[in-house]
Amino acid sequence: MMKNGRCKTVRSLVAMAMALLVLPASAATVPDPLPDPDGKPADMSKPVQVFILLGQSNMVGAGKIAGDKEGTLEHAVKAKQKYPYLVDDAGSWTERRDVRYVRVMGSGTARMKQFNNEWMTIKGRSIGPEYGIGHYVGHAVDAPVMILKSCIGNRSLGWDLLPPGSQRFEYGEKIYAGYKDSPASWDKGTEPKPMGWYAGMQYDGDVANAKKVLAELDKYYPGARGFEVAGFFFWQGDKDRYNAAHASRYELNLVRFIMQLRKDFNAPGAKFVCATLGQTKKNAGGNEGKILQAQLAVDGRSGKYPEFKGNVATVYSSPFCHGGASNSHYGGNAETYMDVGEAMGRAMAALLRNQVKAGAAAARPIDDKKAKILDQNLTRRLTIAKNYLKSGSMPNARRILSDLAKKWPDTPQGKEAAQLLEAAAGEKATVGAP
């Protein structure tokens, strides 16, 4: 059982960081490491905060779960001790009872298929960014949360996901489709010959499918008493990079996409977070460079779109990419999907925190339950480090101990970690002495 003194120590250290958690649909500074979920349901007297995930195949997800090789989620969690909030003390996947994960899909406006409808936990064969997103947003928001993914692979913003209101335009010797036009392009001076698909058909389908889920809310979030669309996540751009015309219009289309989503879901205050393609670096040229610059431009901090200040953020994904590229689904590396997802989740939490900054003074201090969860998480990481020391795995031990000592220096675990690091350094010096 945890002693009261330790609980108070931990509580005093993280009170400021977590003070905003009690505000509905708000977010606090996210702690690191993220505490394990406590397995308890959210306060169901509050409306469900819905976050809609859109994009193409990398939002769908291809990160491998099973296996003991580099790149799988199991290897990242067990061998590298990453994402500790995903597993409990017994090594089983944790479950968030305050975050519902729903995934639906349809090709264009065809019949919707349901793939997931459960409390957030790792299952199946692959992951997308939803778990990093869901755990960080779920931790930050003091209300029931739904992560609602409605997307399908191989879709471009310039054609399949083109939002309503988009107009035809000329590029080179062709006319390119506006919303509901068909086909995607045709030669100047000729008449378009419609095909079995129209510009924006996937946008219409993805939006309709998400609305269908929300119209049957109790089926997808048992006990819910209404909902609010609090935010959107968007990870896309791969298909547009193969079309110079679409790449040239990416920024215009993305701005309209953000505004149209808010209109279609009657959510003018909903936040928006997009992620760039993981392989594209800031000095890139060509179509990829145009898409990257467009994605960075809509970030409210860029100043280019004053209306997006404080409510739109872009995650530069290159630092989180562990090899591969968007067209190869980053080699199926689960760490890429988790790291990008975590970054997107933190970005959303920051946007929500800014929304309620003025009300921070009214927040309650952290309670004993949250302090206990954090204390248990730090203790578990310290135990892992000690086991590494016993087994002689010094690099892994030092990595965890250094993290604890640096980030939590005034906690019992942080102080003990510093002592163990000092002792380990002394032993190393003795061994190396002449």
Protein backbone atom coordinates (compact mmCIF):
# COMPACT_ATOMS: atom_id res chain seq x y z
CA MET A 1 0.00 0.00 0.00
CA MET A 2 1.29 3.47 -0.85
CA LYS A 3 2.23 5.68 2.09
CA ASN A 4 0.45 9.00 2.51
CA GLY A 5 3.75 10.91 2.45
CA ARG A 6 4.68 9.53 -0.94
CA CYS A 7 1.19 10.26 -2.29
CA LYS A 8 1.44 13.86 -1.13
CA THR A 9 4.90 14.23 -2.65
CA VAL A 10 3.75 13.00 -6.03
CA ARG A 11 0.57 15.06 -5.81
CA SER A 12 2.44 18.28 -5.15
CA LEU A 13 4.77 17.68 -8.09
CA VAL A 14 2.09 17.16 -10.70
CA ALA A 15 -0.75 19.34 -9.41
CA MET A 16 -0.01 22.19 -11.77
CA ALA A 17 0.39 19.90 -14.75
CA MET A 18 -2.90 18.13 -14.16
CA ALA A 19 -5.05 20.90 -12.70
CA LEU A 20 -7.07 21.43 -15.86
CA LEU A 21 -8.18 17.80 -16.09
CA VAL A 22 -11.39 18.54 -14.24
CA LEU A 23 -12.68 21.01 -16.82
CA PRO A 24 -15.08 19.47 -19.36
CA ALA A 25 -13.52 18.95 -22.79
CA SER A 26 -10.29 20.50 -21.56
CA ALA A 27 -6.74 19.29 -21.42
CA ALA A 28 -3.75 19.62 -19.13
CA THR A 29 -0.06 19.44 -19.82
CA VAL A 30 0.46 15.76 -20.52
CA PRO A 31 2.86 14.06 -18.10
CA ASP A 32 5.69 11.80 -19.20
CA PRO A 33 5.49 8.92 -18.62
CA LEU A 34 1.77 8.75 -19.24
CA PRO A 35 0.04 7.01 -16.32
CA ASP A 36 -1.63 3.66 -16.84
CA PRO A 37 -5.40 3.92 -17.33
CA ASP A 38 -7.22 3.16 -14.09
CA GLY A 39 -9.84 1.00 -15.80
CA LYS A 40 -12.70 3.11 -14.50
CA PRO A 41 -15.47 4.63 -16.66
CA ALA A 42 -15.75 8.34 -17.37
CA ASP A 43 -18.31 10.64 -15.80
CA MET A 44 -21.31 9.74 -17.95
CA SER A 45 -23.25 12.81 -16.88
CA LYS A 46 -21.11 14.72 -19.39
CA PRO A 47 -21.55 14.58 -23.16
CA VAL A 48 -19.17 12.33 -25.09
CA GLN A 49 -16.26 14.26 -26.60
CA VAL A 50 -15.91 12.93 -30.15
CA PHE A 51 -12.65 13.07 -32.09
CA ILE A 52 -12.95 12.06 -35.74
CA LEU A 53 -9.96 10.53 -37.55
CA LEU A 54 -9.77 11.00 -41.33
CA GLY A 55 -7.21 10.40 -44.07
CA GLN A 56 -6.01 7.47 -46.14
CA SER A 57 -4.13 4.19 -45.59
CA ASN A 58 -1.68 5.39 -42.94
CA MET A 59 -4.55 6.71 -40.86
CA VAL A 60 -6.17 3.30 -41.34
CA GLY A 61 -2.88 1.88 -40.03
CA ALA A 62 -0.37 -0.83 -40.87
CA GLY A 63 1.81 -1.01 -37.76
CA LYS A 64 2.52 -4.63 -36.85
CA ILE A 65 1.49 -5.74 -33.38
CA ALA A 66 2.81 -9.27 -32.85
CA GLY A 67 6.40 -10.45 -32.95
CA ASP A 68 9.73 -10.14 -31.18
CA LYS A 69 11.51 -8.31 -33.99
CA GLU A 70 12.37 -4.63 -34.33
CA GLY A 71 9.36 -2.68 -35.60
CA THR A 72 6.59 -4.63 -33.89
CA LEU A 73 4.57 -3.19 -31.04
CA GLU A 74 5.29 -6.16 -28.78
CA HIS A 75 9.04 -5.68 -29.26
CA ALA A 76 8.77 -1.94 -28.56
CA VAL A 77 6.84 -2.55 -25.34
CA LYS A 78 8.70 -5.59 -24.00
CA ALA A 79 12.28 -5.15 -25.18
CA LYS A 80 12.51 -1.36 -25.41
CA GLN A 81 10.13 -0.47 -22.56
CA LYS A 82 8.25 2.05 -24.71
CA TYR A 83 4.58 2.99 -24.23
CA PRO A 84 4.33 1.55 -20.67
CA TYR A 85 0.70 2.68 -20.40
CA LEU A 86 -0.25 0.02 -22.98
CA VAL A 87 0.51 -2.91 -20.64
CA ASP A 88 -0.35 -3.68 -17.04
CA ASP A 89 1.87 -5.27 -14.40
CA ALA A 90 0.99 -8.74 -15.67
CA GLY A 91 2.07 -7.85 -19.20
CA SER A 92 -1.46 -7.80 -20.62
CA TRP A 93 -2.78 -5.01 -22.79
CA THR A 94 -4.51 -2.31 -20.75
CA GLU A 95 -8.03 -1.15 -21.46
CA ARG A 96 -9.37 2.39 -21.22
CA ARG A 97 -12.95 2.36 -19.96
CA ASP A 98 -13.21 6.11 -20.55
CA VAL A 99 -12.29 5.97 -24.27
CA ARG A 100 -14.39 4.22 -26.87
CA TYR A 101 -12.73 3.24 -30.14
CA VAL A 102 -14.95 2.99 -33.20
CA ARG A 103 -13.67 2.31 -36.71
CA VAL A 104 -15.88 2.27 -39.79
CA MET A 105 -15.10 2.24 -43.49
CA GLY A 106 -16.79 2.48 -46.83
CA SER A 107 -15.60 2.97 -50.39
CA GLY A 108 -17.08 6.30 -51.42
CA THR A 109 -20.77 6.34 -50.60
CA ALA A 110 -21.08 2.54 -50.58
CA ARG A 111 -22.41 0.64 -47.57
CA MET A 112 -20.53 1.25 -44.33
CA LYS A 113 -18.63 -1.59 -42.67
CA GLN A 114 -17.85 -1.63 -38.95
CA PHE A 115 -14.45 -2.92 -37.83
CA ASN A 116 -14.15 -1.78 -34.21
CA ASN A 117 -16.59 -0.86 -31.47
CA GLU A 118 -14.97 -1.40 -28.08
CA TRP A 119 -13.17 0.20 -25.16
CA MET A 120 -9.71 1.20 -26.27
CA THR A 121 -7.29 -1.72 -26.07
CA ILE A 122 -4.75 -3.30 -28.39
CA LYS A 123 -6.29 -6.02 -30.54
CA GLY A 124 -6.12 -7.42 -34.05
CA ARG A 125 -3.00 -7.56 -36.25
CA SER A 126 -2.15 -3.91 -36.89
CA ILE A 127 -2.44 -0.41 -35.48
CA GLY A 128 -2.68 3.14 -36.76
CA PRO A 129 -2.09 6.36 -34.81
CA GLU A 130 -5.35 5.96 -32.87
CA TYR A 131 -3.78 4.40 -29.76
CA GLY A 132 -1.27 7.19 -29.24
CA ILE A 133 -4.04 9.69 -29.92
CA GLY A 134 -6.63 7.96 -27.77
CA HIS A 135 -4.51 7.48 -24.67
CA TYR A 136 -3.21 11.04 -24.63
CA VAL A 137 -6.58 12.63 -25.36
CA GLY A 138 -8.32 10.24 -22.98
CA HIS A 139 -5.92 11.18 -20.22
CA ALA A 140 -6.32 14.90 -20.87
CA VAL A 141 -10.08 15.18 -21.28
CA ASP A 142 -12.28 14.92 -18.19
CA ALA A 143 -15.30 13.49 -20.01
CA PRO A 144 -16.21 10.36 -21.99
CA VAL A 145 -14.14 10.22 -25.18
CA MET A 146 -14.86 8.56 -28.51
CA ILE A 147 -12.11 8.03 -31.08
CA LEU A 148 -14.09 7.65 -34.29
CA LYS A 149 -12.09 6.62 -37.34
CA SER A 150 -13.82 6.92 -40.71
CA CYS A 151 -11.44 6.50 -43.63
CA ILE A 152 -10.09 4.17 -46.29
CA GLY A 153 -6.80 3.86 -48.16
CA ASN A 154 -5.63 5.25 -51.53
CA ARG A 155 -7.57 8.52 -51.40
CA SER A 156 -6.41 12.01 -52.40
CA LEU A 157 -7.51 15.36 -51.05
CA GLY A 158 -7.53 16.80 -54.57
CA TRP A 159 -10.03 14.25 -55.87
CA ASP A 160 -11.58 11.64 -53.54
CA LEU A 161 -11.70 13.80 -50.40
CA LEU A 162 -12.31 17.11 -52.16
CA PRO A 163 -14.63 19.09 -49.87
CA PRO A 164 -17.92 20.67 -50.96
CA GLY A 165 -17.53 24.15 -52.42
CA SER A 166 -14.32 23.34 -54.30
CA GLN A 167 -14.30 24.77 -57.83
CA ARG A 168 -12.89 23.54 -61.13
CA PHE A 169 -9.45 24.84 -62.05
CA GLU A 170 -7.01 24.78 -64.94
CA TYR A 171 -3.56 23.25 -64.74
CA GLY A 172 -1.45 22.81 -67.86
CA GLU A 173 -3.69 21.73 -70.71
CA LYS A 174 -6.39 20.22 -68.54
CA ILE A 175 -9.42 21.17 -66.49
CA TYR A 176 -9.52 19.57 -63.05
CA ALA A 177 -12.72 18.59 -61.29
CA GLY A 178 -14.51 20.67 -58.71
CA TYR A 179 -16.75 19.08 -56.08
CA LYS A 180 -19.17 16.53 -57.60
CA ASP A 181 -17.54 16.80 -61.05
CA SER A 182 -16.52 13.67 -62.94
CA PRO A 183 -14.02 12.55 -64.17
CA ALA A 184 -10.96 13.84 -62.28
CA SER A 185 -9.74 15.87 -65.28
CA TRP A 186 -10.34 16.42 -68.98
CA ASP A 187 -8.67 18.26 -71.83
CA LYS A 188 -9.39 21.93 -72.31
CA GLY A 189 -12.01 22.57 -74.97
CA THR A 190 -13.72 19.20 -74.44
CA GLU A 191 -16.70 18.09 -72.43
CA PRO A 192 -16.18 15.89 -69.35
CA LYS A 193 -17.34 12.28 -69.65
CA PRO A 194 -18.58 11.17 -66.22
CA MET A 195 -17.31 7.93 -64.71
CA GLY A 196 -18.53 5.93 -61.72
CA TRP A 197 -16.85 8.24 -59.20
CA TYR A 198 -17.00 11.98 -58.53
CA ALA A 199 -14.81 14.56 -56.87
CA GLY A 200 -15.48 14.45 -53.13
CA MET A 201 -17.21 11.08 -53.16
CA GLN A 202 -14.98 9.76 -50.36
CA TYR A 203 -15.46 12.95 -48.37
CA ASP A 204 -19.21 12.47 -48.59
CA GLY A 205 -18.93 8.81 -47.60
CA ASP A 206 -16.58 9.32 -44.67
CA VAL A 207 -18.68 12.16 -43.27
CA ALA A 208 -21.93 10.21 -43.74
CA ASN A 209 -20.47 7.16 -42.00
CA ALA A 210 -19.28 9.20 -39.02
CA LYS A 211 -22.70 10.83 -38.77
CA LYS A 212 -24.36 7.41 -38.88
CA VAL A 213 -22.31 6.32 -35.87
CA LEU A 214 -23.22 9.46 -33.96
CA ALA A 215 -26.90 9.07 -34.85
CA GLU A 216 -26.81 5.69 -33.07
CA LEU A 217 -24.68 6.92 -30.19
CA ASP A 218 -25.90 4.48 -27.54
CA LYS A 219 -24.90 1.55 -29.78
CA TYR A 220 -21.35 2.84 -29.97
CA TYR A 221 -21.00 4.43 -26.54
CA PRO A 222 -23.26 2.66 -24.01
CA GLY A 223 -24.87 5.02 -21.54
CA ALA A 224 -23.99 8.19 -23.45
CA ARG A 225 -26.07 11.32 -22.89
CA GLY A 226 -25.34 13.28 -26.01
CA PHE A 227 -22.08 14.23 -27.70
CA GLU A 228 -19.95 17.11 -28.93
CA VAL A 229 -17.56 16.89 -31.86
CA ALA A 230 -14.48 18.26 -30.13
CA GLY A 231 -11.83 17.70 -32.77
CA PHE A 232 -10.55 16.19 -36.00
CA PHE A 233 -7.32 14.37 -36.82
CA PHE A 234 -6.03 14.13 -40.39
CA TRP A 235 -3.06 12.12 -41.71
CA GLN A 236 -2.98 12.13 -45.48
CA GLY A 237 -1.11 13.40 -48.53
CA ASP A 238 0.49 10.36 -50.10
CA LYS A 239 -1.77 10.04 -53.14
CA ASP A 240 -1.68 13.78 -53.87
CA ARG A 241 2.11 13.71 -54.20
CA TYR A 242 1.78 11.76 -57.46
CA ASN A 243 -0.31 14.49 -59.09
CA ALA A 244 1.27 17.90 -59.67
CA ALA A 245 -2.10 19.61 -60.09
CA HIS A 246 -3.43 18.23 -56.82
CA ALA A 247 -0.19 19.06 -55.00
CA SER A 248 -0.42 22.66 -56.26
CA ARG A 249 -3.89 23.02 -54.72
CA TYR A 250 -3.24 21.11 -51.50
CA GLU A 251 -3.18 24.16 -49.26
CA LEU A 252 -6.37 25.62 -50.69
CA ASN A 253 -8.11 22.26 -50.40
CA LEU A 254 -6.87 21.68 -46.84
CA VAL A 255 -8.13 25.05 -45.65
CA ARG A 256 -11.55 24.35 -47.17
CA PHE A 257 -11.50 20.81 -45.77
CA ILE A 258 -11.05 22.11 -42.21
CA MET A 259 -13.77 24.70 -42.54
CA GLN A 260 -16.22 22.34 -44.24
CA LEU A 261 -15.81 19.63 -41.60
CA ARG A 262 -16.67 22.10 -38.87
CA LYS A 263 -19.72 23.17 -40.82
CA ASP A 264 -20.91 19.63 -41.62
CA PHE A 265 -20.66 18.53 -38.00
CA ASN A 266 -22.02 21.79 -36.59
CA ALA A 267 -18.80 22.15 -34.61
CA PRO A 268 -17.33 25.61 -35.30
CA GLY A 269 -15.03 25.35 -32.29
CA ALA A 270 -13.70 21.86 -33.01
CA LYS A 271 -9.92 21.63 -33.03
CA PHE A 272 -7.99 20.22 -35.98
CA VAL A 273 -4.65 18.40 -35.95
CA CYS A 274 -2.93 17.13 -39.08
CA ALA A 275 0.34 15.25 -39.48
CA THR A 276 2.81 15.54 -42.34
CA LEU A 277 4.15 12.61 -44.34
CA GLY A 278 6.87 10.96 -42.28
CA GLN A 279 9.49 10.77 -45.00
CA THR A 280 9.18 14.41 -46.14
CA LYS A 281 11.73 16.78 -44.64
CA LYS A 282 11.50 20.54 -44.45
CA ASN A 283 13.93 21.13 -47.29
CA ALA A 284 12.00 18.88 -49.70
CA GLY A 285 11.10 20.12 -53.15
CA GLY A 286 8.64 18.98 -55.77
CA ASN A 287 5.14 17.80 -54.99
CA GLU A 288 6.07 16.49 -51.55
CA GLY A 289 7.56 19.85 -50.63
CA LYS A 290 4.39 21.65 -51.73
CA ILE A 291 2.23 19.34 -49.63
CA LEU A 292 4.48 19.74 -46.59
CA GLN A 293 4.46 23.53 -46.88
CA ALA A 294 0.68 23.49 -47.20
CA GLN A 295 0.32 21.38 -44.07
CA LEU A 296 2.67 23.62 -42.10
CA ALA A 297 0.91 26.75 -43.36
CA VAL A 298 -2.44 25.86 -41.78
CA ASP A 299 -0.90 25.53 -38.32
CA GLY A 300 -2.32 28.41 -36.32
CA ARG A 301 1.15 29.39 -35.16
CA SER A 302 2.29 30.14 -38.71
CA GLY A 303 0.18 33.31 -38.75
CA LYS A 304 -0.93 32.78 -42.34
CA TYR A 305 -4.52 32.01 -41.35
CA PRO A 306 -5.45 34.10 -38.30
CA GLU A 307 -8.74 32.22 -37.98
CA PHE A 308 -6.76 29.04 -37.24
CA LYS A 309 -4.76 30.52 -34.36
CA GLY A 310 -5.19 28.34 -31.29
CA ASN A 311 -7.42 25.79 -33.00
CA VAL A 312 -5.35 24.16 -35.79
CA ALA A 313 -1.99 22.44 -35.30
CA THR A 314 0.34 20.51 -37.58
CA VAL A 315 2.63 17.73 -36.40
CA TYR A 316 5.90 17.55 -38.33
CA SER A 317 6.23 13.76 -38.51
CA SER A 318 9.75 13.32 -39.85
CA PRO A 319 11.37 13.01 -36.38
CA PHE A 320 8.90 10.22 -35.54
CA CYS A 321 9.45 8.19 -38.71
CA HIS A 322 11.47 5.00 -38.13
CA GLY A 323 12.23 4.36 -41.78
CA GLY A 324 10.25 3.68 -44.91
CA ALA A 325 7.77 6.05 -46.49
CA SER A 326 4.05 6.68 -46.66
CA ASN A 327 3.59 4.62 -49.82
CA SER A 328 5.12 1.57 -48.10
CA HIS A 329 3.25 2.23 -44.84
CA TYR A 330 6.57 2.95 -43.15
CA GLY A 331 7.52 -0.70 -43.41
CA GLY A 332 4.77 -1.59 -40.98
CA ASN A 333 6.81 -0.13 -38.11
CA ALA A 334 4.48 0.16 -35.14
CA GLU A 335 6.70 2.73 -33.43
CA THR A 336 6.12 5.16 -36.30
CA TYR A 337 2.38 4.85 -35.85
CA MET A 338 2.59 5.13 -32.06
CA ASP A 339 5.02 8.05 -32.06
CA VAL A 340 3.06 10.03 -34.66
CA GLY A 341 -0.16 9.23 -32.78
CA GLU A 342 1.29 10.39 -29.48
CA ALA A 343 2.50 13.62 -31.08
CA MET A 344 -0.94 14.24 -32.56
CA GLY A 345 -2.57 13.51 -29.21
CA ARG A 346 -0.26 15.94 -27.42
CA ALA A 347 -0.98 18.59 -30.06
CA MET A 348 -4.72 18.18 -29.54
CA ALA A 349 -4.31 18.34 -25.76
CA ALA A 350 -2.41 21.61 -26.16
CA LEU A 351 -5.15 23.10 -28.32
CA LEU A 352 -7.81 22.09 -25.81
CA ARG A 353 -5.71 23.45 -22.96
CA ASN A 354 -5.44 26.82 -24.67
CA GLN A 355 -9.22 26.85 -25.04
CA VAL A 356 -9.76 26.76 -21.29
CA LYS A 357 -6.65 28.58 -20.12
CA ALA A 358 -8.71 31.42 -18.72
CA GLY A 359 -10.64 29.01 -16.53
CA ALA A 360 -7.62 27.27 -15.05
CA ALA A 361 -7.90 29.06 -11.73
CA ALA A 362 -11.21 27.34 -11.05
CA ALA A 363 -9.79 23.84 -11.38
CA ARG A 364 -9.58 21.42 -8.46
CA PRO A 365 -6.16 20.24 -7.29
CA ILE A 366 -5.13 16.71 -8.24
CA ASP A 367 -6.81 14.00 -6.16
CA ASP A 368 -5.28 10.98 -4.44
CA LYS A 369 -6.43 8.58 -7.17
CA LYS A 370 -4.41 10.30 -9.91
CA ALA A 371 -1.42 10.64 -7.61
CA LYS A 372 -1.56 6.93 -6.83
CA ILE A 373 -1.71 6.02 -10.52
CA LEU A 374 1.36 8.11 -11.25
CA ASP A 375 3.20 6.71 -8.24
CA GLN A 376 2.51 3.14 -9.37
CA ASN A 377 3.71 3.91 -12.88
CA LEU A 378 7.00 5.40 -11.65
CA THR A 379 7.54 2.48 -9.27
CA ARG A 380 7.03 -0.01 -12.06
CA ARG A 381 9.59 1.72 -14.27
CA LEU A 382 12.08 1.75 -11.39
CA THR A 383 11.53 -1.98 -10.87
CA ILE A 384 12.17 -2.63 -14.56
CA ALA A 385 15.43 -0.68 -14.32
CA LYS A 386 16.52 -2.68 -11.26
CA ASN A 387 15.85 -5.92 -13.10
CA TYR A 388 18.03 -4.71 -15.94
CA LEU A 389 20.79 -3.94 -13.43
CA LYS A 390 20.56 -7.46 -11.99
CA SER A 391 20.74 -9.00 -15.45
CA GLY A 392 23.72 -6.86 -16.44
CA SER A 393 21.83 -4.94 -19.13
CA MET A 394 23.39 -1.60 -18.22
CA PRO A 395 22.38 0.46 -21.30
CA ASN A 396 18.66 -0.28 -20.78
CA ALA A 397 18.96 0.31 -17.02
CA ARG A 398 20.72 3.65 -17.46
CA ARG A 399 18.16 4.82 -20.02
CA ILE A 400 15.24 4.31 -17.63
CA LEU A 401 17.08 5.52 -14.54
CA SER A 402 18.26 8.67 -16.32
CA ASP A 403 14.71 9.41 -17.44
CA LEU A 404 13.33 9.00 -13.91
CA ALA A 405 16.11 11.04 -12.30
CA LYS A 406 15.80 13.86 -14.83
CA LYS A 407 12.02 14.16 -15.10
CA TRP A 408 10.98 13.27 -11.54
CA PRO A 409 13.94 14.36 -9.36
CA ASP A 410 11.91 15.07 -6.22
CA THR A 411 9.92 11.85 -6.15
CA PRO A 412 11.13 8.83 -4.14
CA GLN A 413 11.58 6.93 -7.39
CA GLY A 414 13.56 9.76 -8.99
CA LYS A 415 15.86 10.07 -5.98
CA GLU A 416 16.49 6.33 -5.87
CA ALA A 417 17.14 6.31 -9.61
CA ALA A 418 19.77 9.04 -9.16
CA GLN A 419 21.45 7.02 -6.40
CA LEU A 420 21.50 3.89 -8.56
CA LEU A 421 22.98 5.86 -11.46
CA GLU A 422 25.69 7.23 -9.18
CA ALA A 423 26.47 3.75 -7.86
CA ALA A 424 26.59 2.32 -11.38
CA ALA A 425 28.94 5.10 -12.47
CA GLY A 426 31.19 4.37 -9.48
CA GLU A 427 31.35 0.68 -10.32
CA LYS A 428 32.25 1.52 -13.91
CA ALA A 429 35.02 3.86 -12.76
CA THR A 430 36.42 1.19 -10.42
CA VAL A 431 36.48 -1.42 -13.15
CA GLY A 432 38.26 0.96 -15.51
CA ALA A 433 40.88 2.14 -12.93
CA PRO A 434 44.55 1.17 -13.46
